């Protein structure tokens, strides 16, 4: 969808719309991290926004406290720090005996809450004001200062992230991930090391989220406590729920749709937007428990019933 729309945006020369698409791509990386951990491996986490914020704050601190603006170095640093954080959290959660989804959800929810509170209180992180004035990134010594340039940057990183996710999911390791998701005990019975798989996926998804946060920082020019807190964590899970677990395109379509509607609603009826989202979520869980991706199959099934009737 986005590749089709992007040339139109460029021809129109509309920086505002281009920035919106860039933001969707960046949030798309966050969605991929949730889908890899929850949709593909069954790790129900509310901690991806904390890792997203970690990547953003790392870039914010580095670029405002030094002269480093090279996007390659910034992304590598954010990915390494995110992966390290994911490794620490993953070992804590999964290295021992099996834990339930609720336990993981509550622990990661607490982590997001703590990260948001720390970002709000620590002076070095700008307290409640965050870190403004993040400079434009550079590549090969040249500044990426235009909306189109930042779009291409977001698009390339998103495309690489998506391709990596698809390769992993369609590999032997991807089958192992799905086996752990569907039945942990059975997966262990067949010799799969559950804890190793879960920790590895958690590290990878943490690195993805951190890279998205790094891109957000250089694209928007600031970071704030809200990007690492409960609201964004819940919203990221919501995108996957609405789109449908187990696919990449479903959550990405849900993200795009909700972002576009969000912009329109905020301009017209901002107070009704949370109610509308809650209503859509309720309807989806009742009528489409597998998400929007199950709608075509449901329509085909309904048509077959009418044909045979």
C-alpha atoms as a PDB file:
ATOM      1  CA  UNK A   1       0.000   0.000   0.000  1.00  0.00           C
ATOM      2  CA  UNK A   2       2.675   2.504   1.026  1.00  0.00           C
ATOM      3  CA  UNK A   3       4.950   1.851  -1.993  1.00  0.00           C
ATOM      4  CA  UNK A   4       1.958   2.553  -4.250  1.00  0.00           C
ATOM      5  CA  UNK A   5       1.080   5.796  -2.481  1.00  0.00           C
ATOM      6  CA  UNK A   6       4.598   7.160  -2.105  1.00  0.00           C
ATOM      7  CA  UNK A   7       5.163   8.315  -5.711  1.00  0.00           C
ATOM      8  CA  UNK A   8       1.901  10.248  -5.556  1.00  0.00           C
ATOM      9  CA  UNK A   9       3.045  11.969  -2.387  1.00  0.00           C
ATOM     10  CA  UNK A  10       6.350  12.919  -3.973  1.00  0.00           C
ATOM     11  CA  UNK A  11       4.699  14.266  -7.117  1.00  0.00           C
ATOM     12  CA  UNK A  12       2.346  16.343  -4.996  1.00  0.00           C
ATOM     13  CA  UNK A  13       5.320  17.717  -3.072  1.00  0.00           C
ATOM     14  CA  UNK A  14       3.355  17.485   0.166  1.00  0.00           C
ATOM     15  CA  UNK A  15       5.856  17.294   3.029  1.00  0.00           C
ATOM     16  CA  UNK A  16       3.081  16.828   5.597  1.00  0.00           C
ATOM     17  CA  UNK A  17       1.738  13.667   3.961  1.00  0.00           C
ATOM     18  CA  UNK A  18       5.249  12.384   3.367  1.00  0.00           C
ATOM     19  CA  UNK A  19       5.995  12.800   7.085  1.00  0.00           C
ATOM     20  CA  UNK A  20       2.834  10.875   7.937  1.00  0.00           C
ATOM     21  CA  UNK A  21       3.878   7.973   5.706  1.00  0.00           C
ATOM     22  CA  UNK A  22       7.363   8.044   7.246  1.00  0.00           C
ATOM     23  CA  UNK A  23       5.825   7.799  10.704  1.00  0.00           C
ATOM     24  CA  UNK A  24       3.692   4.847   9.599  1.00  0.00           C
ATOM     25  CA  UNK A  25       6.813   3.083   8.332  1.00  0.00           C
ATOM     26  CA  UNK A  26       8.604   3.719  11.627  1.00  0.00           C
ATOM     27  CA  UNK A  27       5.660   2.439  13.647  1.00  0.00           C
ATOM     28  CA  UNK A  28       5.584  -0.462  11.191  1.00  0.00           C
ATOM     29  CA  UNK A  29       8.958  -1.584  12.543  1.00  0.00           C
ATOM     30  CA  UNK A  30       7.446  -1.531  16.038  1.00  0.00           C
ATOM     31  CA  UNK A  31       4.535  -3.625  14.752  1.00  0.00           C
ATOM     32  CA  UNK A  32       6.974  -6.147  13.274  1.00  0.00           C
ATOM     33  CA  UNK A  33       8.644  -6.491  16.667  1.00  0.00           C
ATOM     34  CA  UNK A  34       5.303  -7.236  18.348  1.00  0.00           C
ATOM     35  CA  UNK A  35       4.307  -9.674  15.610  1.00  0.00           C
ATOM     36  CA  UNK A  36       7.609 -11.558  15.859  1.00  0.00           C
ATOM     37  CA  UNK A  37       7.375 -11.914  19.633  1.00  0.00           C
ATOM     38  CA  UNK A  38       3.634 -12.398  20.113  1.00  0.00           C
ATOM     39  CA  UNK A  39       2.178 -13.340  16.741  1.00  0.00           C
ATOM     40  CA  UNK A  40       4.883 -15.813  15.749  1.00  0.00           C
ATOM     41  CA  UNK A  41       6.249 -17.045  19.100  1.00  0.00           C
ATOM     42  CA  UNK A  42       3.420 -16.486  21.580  1.00  0.00           C
ATOM     43  CA  UNK A  43       5.305 -14.036  23.820  1.00  0.00           C
ATOM     44  CA  UNK A  44       2.561 -11.623  24.860  1.00  0.00           C
ATOM     45  CA  UNK A  45       4.537  -8.502  25.676  1.00  0.00           C
ATOM     46  CA  UNK A  46       3.657  -4.928  26.569  1.00  0.00           C
ATOM     47  CA  UNK A  47       7.319  -3.945  26.669  1.00  0.00           C
ATOM     48  CA  UNK A  48       8.046  -3.111  23.037  1.00  0.00           C
ATOM     49  CA  UNK A  49       7.418   0.607  23.512  1.00  0.00           C
ATOM     50  CA  UNK A  50       9.996   0.677  26.318  1.00  0.00           C
ATOM     51  CA  UNK A  51      12.562  -0.712  23.876  1.00  0.00           C
ATOM     52  CA  UNK A  52      11.324   1.663  21.166  1.00  0.00           C
ATOM     53  CA  UNK A  53      11.851   4.545  23.583  1.00  0.00           C
ATOM     54  CA  UNK A  54      15.260   3.186  24.576  1.00  0.00           C
ATOM     55  CA  UNK A  55      16.436   3.398  20.977  1.00  0.00           C
ATOM     56  CA  UNK A  56      15.057   6.915  20.687  1.00  0.00           C
ATOM     57  CA  UNK A  57      16.649   8.175  23.891  1.00  0.00           C
ATOM     58  CA  UNK A  58      20.024   6.627  23.004  1.00  0.00           C
ATOM     59  CA  UNK A  59      20.014   8.561  19.726  1.00  0.00           C
ATOM     60  CA  UNK A  60      18.752  11.704  21.450  1.00  0.00           C
ATOM     61  CA  UNK A  61      21.525  11.622  24.047  1.00  0.00           C
ATOM     62  CA  UNK A  62      24.297  10.816  21.569  1.00  0.00           C
ATOM     63  CA  UNK A  63      23.347  13.454  19.002  1.00  0.00           C
ATOM     64  CA  UNK A  64      22.751  16.262  21.501  1.00  0.00           C
ATOM     65  CA  UNK A  65      25.793  15.533  23.691  1.00  0.00           C
ATOM     66  CA  UNK A  66      28.273  14.887  20.865  1.00  0.00           C
ATOM     67  CA  UNK A  67      28.803  15.565  17.173  1.00  0.00           C
ATOM     68  CA  UNK A  68      27.850  12.051  16.037  1.00  0.00           C
ATOM     69  CA  UNK A  69      24.989  12.193  13.529  1.00  0.00           C
ATOM     70  CA  UNK A  70      25.888   9.372  11.133  1.00  0.00           C
ATOM     71  CA  UNK A  71      22.721   7.306  10.779  1.00  0.00           C
ATOM     72  CA  UNK A  72      24.635   4.058  10.350  1.00  0.00           C
ATOM     73  CA  UNK A  73      26.465   4.475  13.643  1.00  0.00           C
ATOM     74  CA  UNK A  74      23.295   5.624  15.422  1.00  0.00           C
ATOM     75  CA  UNK A  75      21.255   2.670  14.180  1.00  0.00           C
ATOM     76  CA  UNK A  76      23.956   0.150  15.062  1.00  0.00           C
ATOM     77  CA  UNK A  77      24.280   1.608  18.556  1.00  0.00           C
ATOM     78  CA  UNK A  78      20.512   1.620  19.115  1.00  0.00           C
ATOM     79  CA  UNK A  79      20.216  -1.961  17.847  1.00  0.00           C
ATOM     80  CA  UNK A  80      23.048  -3.194  20.082  1.00  0.00           C
ATOM     81  CA  UNK A  81      21.669  -1.471  23.185  1.00  0.00           C
ATOM     82  CA  UNK A  82      18.151  -2.707  22.396  1.00  0.00           C
ATOM     83  CA  UNK A  83      19.400  -6.259  21.849  1.00  0.00           C
ATOM     84  CA  UNK A  84      21.323  -6.154  25.136  1.00  0.00           C
ATOM     85  CA  UNK A  85      18.235  -4.940  26.997  1.00  0.00           C
ATOM     86  CA  UNK A  86      16.186  -7.656  25.302  1.00  0.00           C
ATOM     87  CA  UNK A  87      18.761 -10.276  26.310  1.00  0.00           C
ATOM     88  CA  UNK A  88      18.675  -9.207  29.965  1.00  0.00           C
ATOM     89  CA  UNK A  89      14.868  -9.142  30.086  1.00  0.00           C
ATOM     90  CA  UNK A  90      14.621 -12.373  28.088  1.00  0.00           C
ATOM     91  CA  UNK A  91      16.966 -14.269  30.402  1.00  0.00           C
ATOM     92  CA  UNK A  92      15.009 -13.013  33.410  1.00  0.00           C
ATOM     93  CA  UNK A  93      11.683 -14.106  31.911  1.00  0.00           C
ATOM     94  CA  UNK A  94      12.473 -17.332  30.087  1.00  0.00           C
ATOM     95  CA  UNK A  95      15.668 -18.940  31.403  1.00  0.00           C
ATOM     96  CA  UNK A  96      13.892 -20.750  34.232  1.00  0.00           C
ATOM     97  CA  UNK A  97      10.733 -22.803  34.256  1.00  0.00           C
ATOM     98  CA  UNK A  98       7.898 -22.070  31.849  1.00  0.00           C
ATOM     99  CA  UNK A  99       5.891 -18.956  32.580  1.00  0.00           C
ATOM    100  CA  UNK A 100       2.422 -18.058  31.365  1.00  0.00           C
ATOM    101  CA  UNK A 101       1.420 -15.272  28.993  1.00  0.00           C
ATOM    102  CA  UNK A 102      -0.132 -13.309  31.853  1.00  0.00           C
ATOM    103  CA  UNK A 103       3.128 -13.282  33.815  1.00  0.00           C
ATOM    104  CA  UNK A 104       5.112 -12.048  30.809  1.00  0.00           C
ATOM    105  CA  UNK A 105       2.463  -9.433  30.036  1.00  0.00           C
ATOM    106  CA  UNK A 106       2.468  -8.104  33.613  1.00  0.00           C
ATOM    107  CA  UNK A 107       6.266  -7.973  33.877  1.00  0.00           C
ATOM    108  CA  UNK A 108       6.676  -6.184  30.546  1.00  0.00           C
ATOM    109  CA  UNK A 109       3.799  -3.866  31.446  1.00  0.00           C
ATOM    110  CA  UNK A 110       5.651  -2.955  34.643  1.00  0.00           C
ATOM    111  CA  UNK A 111       8.851  -2.386  32.647  1.00  0.00           C
ATOM    112  CA  UNK A 112       7.062   0.040  30.325  1.00  0.00           C
ATOM    113  CA  UNK A 113       5.584   1.881  33.297  1.00  0.00           C
ATOM    114  CA  UNK A 114       8.970   2.136  35.025  1.00  0.00           C
ATOM    115  CA  UNK A 115      10.679   3.355  31.846  1.00  0.00           C
ATOM    116  CA  UNK A 116       8.065   6.046  31.333  1.00  0.00           C
ATOM    117  CA  UNK A 117       8.391   7.210  34.947  1.00  0.00           C
ATOM    118  CA  UNK A 118      12.195   7.304  34.695  1.00  0.00           C
ATOM    119  CA  UNK A 119      12.011   9.297  31.477  1.00  0.00           C
ATOM    120  CA  UNK A 120       9.667  11.725  33.223  1.00  0.00           C
ATOM    121  CA  UNK A 121      11.895  12.181  36.270  1.00  0.00           C
ATOM    122  CA  UNK A 122      15.546  11.890  35.189  1.00  0.00           C
ATOM    123  CA  UNK A 123      17.091  15.256  34.365  1.00  0.00           C
ATOM    124  CA  UNK A 124      19.588  13.757  31.935  1.00  0.00           C
ATOM    125  CA  UNK A 125      16.630  12.497  29.882  1.00  0.00           C
ATOM    126  CA  UNK A 126      14.983  15.910  29.881  1.00  0.00           C
ATOM    127  CA  UNK A 127      12.422  14.988  32.531  1.00  0.00           C
ATOM    128  CA  UNK A 128       8.893  15.520  31.241  1.00  0.00           C
ATOM    129  CA  UNK A 129      10.128  17.664  28.353  1.00  0.00           C
ATOM    130  CA  UNK A 130      12.072  14.852  26.720  1.00  0.00           C
ATOM    131  CA  UNK A 131      15.008  15.648  24.447  1.00  0.00           C
ATOM    132  CA  UNK A 132      14.214  18.266  21.789  1.00  0.00           C
ATOM    133  CA  UNK A 133      16.492  19.622  19.100  1.00  0.00           C
ATOM    134  CA  UNK A 134      17.783  16.296  17.791  1.00  0.00           C
ATOM    135  CA  UNK A 135      19.713  17.157  14.605  1.00  0.00           C
ATOM    136  CA  UNK A 136      19.034  15.653  11.218  1.00  0.00           C
ATOM    137  CA  UNK A 137      20.983  12.454  10.536  1.00  0.00           C
ATOM    138  CA  UNK A 138      23.810  12.259   8.032  1.00  0.00           C
ATOM    139  CA  UNK A 139      24.932   9.558   5.633  1.00  0.00           C
ATOM    140  CA  UNK A 140      28.391   9.608   4.057  1.00  0.00           C
ATOM    141  CA  UNK A 141      28.787  13.074   5.533  1.00  0.00           C
ATOM    142  CA  UNK A 142      25.678  14.493   3.849  1.00  0.00           C
ATOM    143  CA  UNK A 143      22.700  15.658   5.889  1.00  0.00           C
ATOM    144  CA  UNK A 144      19.313  14.024   5.385  1.00  0.00           C
ATOM    145  CA  UNK A 145      17.216  17.095   6.067  1.00  0.00           C
ATOM    146  CA  UNK A 146      14.245  16.822   3.724  1.00  0.00           C
ATOM    147  CA  UNK A 147      10.948  15.034   4.278  1.00  0.00           C
ATOM    148  CA  UNK A 148      11.584  12.891   1.207  1.00  0.00           C
ATOM    149  CA  UNK A 149      15.074  11.977   2.389  1.00  0.00           C
ATOM    150  CA  UNK A 150      13.757  10.917   5.784  1.00  0.00           C
ATOM    151  CA  UNK A 151      11.021   8.938   4.046  1.00  0.00           C
ATOM    152  CA  UNK A 152      13.577   7.005   1.997  1.00  0.00           C
ATOM    153  CA  UNK A 153      15.574   6.339   5.158  1.00  0.00           C
ATOM    154  CA  UNK A 154      12.504   5.000   6.978  1.00  0.00           C
ATOM    155  CA  UNK A 155      11.455   2.986   3.932  1.00  0.00           C
ATOM    156  CA  UNK A 156      14.848   1.295   3.523  1.00  0.00           C
ATOM    157  CA  UNK A 157      15.116   0.347   7.207  1.00  0.00           C
ATOM    158  CA  UNK A 158      11.505  -0.866   7.271  1.00  0.00           C
ATOM    159  CA  UNK A 159      12.026  -2.922   4.108  1.00  0.00           C
ATOM    160  CA  UNK A 160      15.173  -4.541   5.521  1.00  0.00           C
ATOM    161  CA  UNK A 161      13.360  -5.304   8.797  1.00  0.00           C
ATOM    162  CA  UNK A 162      10.383  -6.820   6.966  1.00  0.00           C
ATOM    163  CA  UNK A 163      12.579  -8.955   4.705  1.00  0.00           C
ATOM    164  CA  UNK A 164      14.535 -10.228   7.714  1.00  0.00           C
ATOM    165  CA  UNK A 165      11.305 -11.126   9.517  1.00  0.00           C
ATOM    166  CA  UNK A 166       9.935 -12.965   6.478  1.00  0.00           C
ATOM    167  CA  UNK A 167      13.189 -14.904   6.018  1.00  0.00           C
ATOM    168  CA  UNK A 168      13.253 -15.923   9.685  1.00  0.00           C
ATOM    169  CA  UNK A 169       9.594 -16.946   9.804  1.00  0.00           C
ATOM    170  CA  UNK A 170       9.960 -19.066   6.652  1.00  0.00           C
ATOM    171  CA  UNK A 171      13.116 -20.777   7.907  1.00  0.00           C
ATOM    172  CA  UNK A 172      13.501 -23.859  10.089  1.00  0.00           C
ATOM    173  CA  UNK A 173      13.847 -21.547  13.073  1.00  0.00           C
ATOM    174  CA  UNK A 174      10.512 -19.979  12.130  1.00  0.00           C
ATOM    175  CA  UNK A 175       8.862 -23.386  12.331  1.00  0.00           C
ATOM    176  CA  UNK A 176      10.399 -23.775  15.772  1.00  0.00           C
ATOM    177  CA  UNK A 177       9.000 -20.394  16.806  1.00  0.00           C
ATOM    178  CA  UNK A 178       5.518 -21.449  15.726  1.00  0.00           C
ATOM    179  CA  UNK A 179       5.881 -24.784  17.511  1.00  0.00           C
ATOM    180  CA  UNK A 180       6.728 -22.992  20.762  1.00  0.00           C
ATOM    181  CA  UNK A 181       3.800 -20.628  20.220  1.00  0.00           C
ATOM    182  CA  UNK A 182       1.278 -23.383  19.569  1.00  0.00           C
ATOM    183  CA  UNK A 183       2.328 -25.817  22.310  1.00  0.00           C
ATOM    184  CA  UNK A 184       5.408 -25.272  24.476  1.00  0.00           C
ATOM    185  CA  UNK A 185       5.277 -28.704  26.095  1.00  0.00           C
ATOM    186  CA  UNK A 186       4.985 -30.513  22.780  1.00  0.00           C
ATOM    187  CA  UNK A 187       7.824 -28.422  21.322  1.00  0.00           C
ATOM    188  CA  UNK A 188      10.064 -29.408  24.233  1.00  0.00           C
ATOM    189  CA  UNK A 189       9.024 -33.047  23.853  1.00  0.00           C
ATOM    190  CA  UNK A 190      10.312 -32.995  20.267  1.00  0.00           C
ATOM    191  CA  UNK A 191      13.638 -31.586  21.408  1.00  0.00           C
ATOM    192  CA  UNK A 192      13.217 -27.860  20.837  1.00  0.00           C
ATOM    193  CA  UNK A 193      14.787 -25.696  23.525  1.00  0.00           C
ATOM    194  CA  UNK A 194      11.914 -23.405  24.452  1.00  0.00           C
ATOM    195  CA  UNK A 195      13.947 -20.954  26.510  1.00  0.00           C
ATOM    196  CA  UNK A 196      16.593 -20.522  23.792  1.00  0.00           C
ATOM    197  CA  UNK A 197      13.946 -19.833  21.148  1.00  0.00           C
ATOM    198  CA  UNK A 198      12.049 -17.353  23.320  1.00  0.00           C
ATOM    199  CA  UNK A 199      15.177 -15.481  24.395  1.00  0.00           C
ATOM    200  CA  UNK A 200      16.481 -15.317  20.814  1.00  0.00           C
ATOM    201  CA  UNK A 201      13.179 -13.977  19.493  1.00  0.00           C
ATOM    202  CA  UNK A 202      12.895 -11.496  22.355  1.00  0.00           C
ATOM    203  CA  UNK A 203      16.396 -10.180  21.599  1.00  0.00           C
ATOM    204  CA  UNK A 204      15.599  -9.838  17.899  1.00  0.00           C
ATOM    205  CA  UNK A 205      12.273  -8.096  18.501  1.00  0.00           C
ATOM    206  CA  UNK A 206      13.941  -5.782  21.031  1.00  0.00           C
ATOM    207  CA  UNK A 207      16.553  -4.818  18.436  1.00  0.00           C
ATOM    208  CA  UNK A 208      13.773  -4.153  15.921  1.00  0.00           C
ATOM    209  CA  UNK A 209      11.876  -1.931  18.345  1.00  0.00           C
ATOM    210  CA  UNK A 210      15.022   0.006  19.277  1.00  0.00           C
ATOM    211  CA  UNK A 211      15.858   0.633  15.615  1.00  0.00           C
ATOM    212  CA  UNK A 212      12.347   2.005  15.133  1.00  0.00           C
ATOM    213  CA  UNK A 213      12.809   4.309  18.111  1.00  0.00           C
ATOM    214  CA  UNK A 214      16.116   5.544  16.686  1.00  0.00           C
ATOM    215  CA  UNK A 215      14.423   6.383  13.394  1.00  0.00           C
ATOM    216  CA  UNK A 216      11.599   8.141  15.222  1.00  0.00           C
ATOM    217  CA  UNK A 217      14.104  10.344  17.047  1.00  0.00           C
ATOM    218  CA  UNK A 218      15.942  11.527  13.925  1.00  0.00           C
ATOM    219  CA  UNK A 219      12.743  11.836  11.888  1.00  0.00           C
ATOM    220  CA  UNK A 220      10.693  13.803  14.425  1.00  0.00           C
ATOM    221  CA  UNK A 221      13.618  15.721  15.949  1.00  0.00           C
ATOM    222  CA  UNK A 222      12.680  14.918  19.546  1.00  0.00           C
ATOM    223  CA  UNK A 223      11.943  12.114  21.982  1.00  0.00           C
ATOM    224  CA  UNK A 224       9.499  12.190  24.886  1.00  0.00           C
ATOM    225  CA  UNK A 225       8.500   9.908  27.778  1.00  0.00           C
ATOM    226  CA  UNK A 226       5.272   8.905  26.035  1.00  0.00           C
ATOM    227  CA  UNK A 227       7.160   6.979  23.343  1.00  0.00           C
ATOM    228  CA  UNK A 228       8.344   4.463  25.937  1.00  0.00           C
ATOM    229  CA  UNK A 229       5.177   4.166  27.995  1.00  0.00           C
ATOM    230  CA  UNK A 230       1.991   2.202  28.436  1.00  0.00           C
ATOM    231  CA  UNK A 231      -0.040   4.048  25.819  1.00  0.00           C
ATOM    232  CA  UNK A 232       2.216   3.185  22.882  1.00  0.00           C
ATOM    233  CA  UNK A 233       2.779  -0.355  24.201  1.00  0.00           C
ATOM    234  CA  UNK A 234      -0.958  -0.958  24.302  1.00  0.00           C
ATOM    235  CA  UNK A 235      -1.476   0.674  20.916  1.00  0.00           C
ATOM    236  CA  UNK A 236       1.173  -1.566  19.321  1.00  0.00           C
ATOM    237  CA  UNK A 237      -0.592  -4.661  20.664  1.00  0.00           C
ATOM    238  CA  UNK A 238      -3.893  -3.218  19.414  1.00  0.00           C
ATOM    239  CA  UNK A 239      -2.537  -2.934  15.860  1.00  0.00           C
ATOM    240  CA  UNK A 240      -1.640  -6.623  15.913  1.00  0.00           C
ATOM    241  CA  UNK A 241      -4.986  -7.644  17.437  1.00  0.00           C
ATOM    242  CA  UNK A 242      -6.978  -5.718  14.834  1.00  0.00           C
ATOM    243  CA  UNK A 243      -4.833  -6.855  11.929  1.00  0.00           C
ATOM    244  CA  UNK A 244      -4.582 -10.456  13.018  1.00  0.00           C
ATOM    245  CA  UNK A 245      -1.786 -12.396  14.689  1.00  0.00           C
ATOM    246  CA  UNK A 246       0.332 -14.686  12.581  1.00  0.00           C
ATOM    247  CA  UNK A 247       0.665 -12.371   9.572  1.00  0.00           C
ATOM    248  CA  UNK A 248       2.726  -9.304   8.795  1.00  0.00           C
ATOM    249  CA  UNK A 249       0.423  -7.595   6.331  1.00  0.00           C
ATOM    250  CA  UNK A 250      -2.637  -7.633   8.606  1.00  0.00           C
ATOM    251  CA  UNK A 251      -1.156  -5.612  11.495  1.00  0.00           C
ATOM    252  CA  UNK A 252       0.546  -3.256   9.010  1.00  0.00           C
ATOM    253  CA  UNK A 253      -2.782  -2.587   7.287  1.00  0.00           C
ATOM    254  CA  UNK A 254      -4.436  -2.016  10.681  1.00  0.00           C
ATOM    255  CA  UNK A 255      -1.642   0.388  11.652  1.00  0.00           C
ATOM    256  CA  UNK A 256      -2.006   2.370   8.416  1.00  0.00           C
ATOM    257  CA  UNK A 257      -5.792   2.518   8.687  1.00  0.00           C
ATOM    258  CA  UNK A 258      -5.818   3.600  12.330  1.00  0.00           C
ATOM    259  CA  UNK A 259      -3.111   6.227  11.809  1.00  0.00           C
ATOM    260  CA  UNK A 260      -5.035   7.808   8.928  1.00  0.00           C
ATOM    261  CA  UNK A 261      -8.328   7.733  10.838  1.00  0.00           C
ATOM    262  CA  UNK A 262      -6.557   9.054  13.941  1.00  0.00           C
ATOM    263  CA  UNK A 263      -5.354  12.131  12.054  1.00  0.00           C
ATOM    264  CA  UNK A 264      -8.822  12.821  10.698  1.00  0.00           C
ATOM    265  CA  UNK A 265     -10.504  12.288  14.069  1.00  0.00           C
ATOM    266  CA  UNK A 266      -8.005  14.457  15.933  1.00  0.00           C
ATOM    267  CA  UNK A 267      -8.778  17.303  13.569  1.00  0.00           C
ATOM    268  CA  UNK A 268     -12.531  16.836  13.819  1.00  0.00           C
ATOM    269  CA  UNK A 269     -13.543  15.053  17.036  1.00  0.00           C
ATOM    270  CA  UNK A 270     -10.435  14.360  19.142  1.00  0.00           C
ATOM    271  CA  UNK A 271     -12.366  13.382  22.268  1.00  0.00           C
ATOM    272  CA  UNK A 272     -14.191  10.578  20.437  1.00  0.00           C
ATOM    273  CA  UNK A 273     -11.080   8.874  19.032  1.00  0.00           C
ATOM    274  CA  UNK A 274     -10.325   6.644  22.072  1.00  0.00           C
ATOM    275  CA  UNK A 275     -13.982   5.595  22.193  1.00  0.00           C
ATOM    276  CA  UNK A 276     -13.956   4.736  18.490  1.00  0.00           C
ATOM    277  CA  UNK A 277     -10.797   2.644  18.848  1.00  0.00           C
ATOM    278  CA  UNK A 278     -12.276   0.767  21.802  1.00  0.00           C
ATOM    279  CA  UNK A 279     -15.466   0.136  19.844  1.00  0.00           C
ATOM    280  CA  UNK A 280     -13.518  -1.189  16.828  1.00  0.00           C
ATOM    281  CA  UNK A 281     -11.481  -3.457  19.089  1.00  0.00           C
ATOM    282  CA  UNK A 282     -14.626  -4.824  20.725  1.00  0.00           C
ATOM    283  CA  UNK A 283     -16.279  -5.537  17.366  1.00  0.00           C
ATOM    284  CA  UNK A 284     -13.127  -7.196  16.065  1.00  0.00           C
ATOM    285  CA  UNK A 285     -12.814  -9.477  19.086  1.00  0.00           C
ATOM    286  CA  UNK A 286     -16.493 -10.483  18.829  1.00  0.00           C
ATOM    287  CA  UNK A 287     -16.905 -10.940  15.074  1.00  0.00           C
ATOM    288  CA  UNK A 288     -13.303 -11.347  13.849  1.00  0.00           C
ATOM    289  CA  UNK A 289     -11.296 -12.906  16.695  1.00  0.00           C
ATOM    290  CA  UNK A 290      -8.482 -13.693  14.236  1.00  0.00           C
ATOM    291  CA  UNK A 291      -8.302 -10.077  13.086  1.00  0.00           C
ATOM    292  CA  UNK A 292      -9.081  -8.287   9.841  1.00  0.00           C
ATOM    293  CA  UNK A 293      -7.064 -10.816   7.837  1.00  0.00           C
ATOM    294  CA  UNK A 294      -9.742 -13.418   8.521  1.00  0.00           C
ATOM    295  CA  UNK A 295     -12.462 -11.252   6.918  1.00  0.00           C
ATOM    296  CA  UNK A 296     -11.992 -12.441   3.281  1.00  0.00           C
ATOM    297  CA  UNK A 297     -12.194 -16.099   4.330  1.00  0.00           C
ATOM    298  CA  UNK A 298     -15.280 -15.363   6.390  1.00  0.00           C
ATOM    299  CA  UNK A 299     -16.942 -13.637   3.429  1.00  0.00           C
ATOM    300  CA  UNK A 300     -16.113 -16.564   1.114  1.00  0.00           C
ATOM    301  CA  UNK A 301     -17.512 -19.023   3.643  1.00  0.00           C
ATOM    302  CA  UNK A 302     -20.709 -16.988   3.940  1.00  0.00           C
ATOM    303  CA  UNK A 303     -21.092 -16.914   0.141  1.00  0.00           C
ATOM    304  CA  UNK A 304     -20.633 -20.683  -0.100  1.00  0.00           C
ATOM    305  CA  UNK A 305     -23.333 -21.216   2.504  1.00  0.00           C
ATOM    306  CA  UNK A 306     -25.753 -19.028   0.538  1.00  0.00           C
ATOM    307  CA  UNK A 307     -24.876 -20.873  -2.689  1.00  0.00           C
ATOM    308  CA  UNK A 308     -25.570 -24.310  -1.204  1.00  0.00           C
ATOM    309  CA  UNK A 309     -28.718 -23.033   0.502  1.00  0.00           C
END
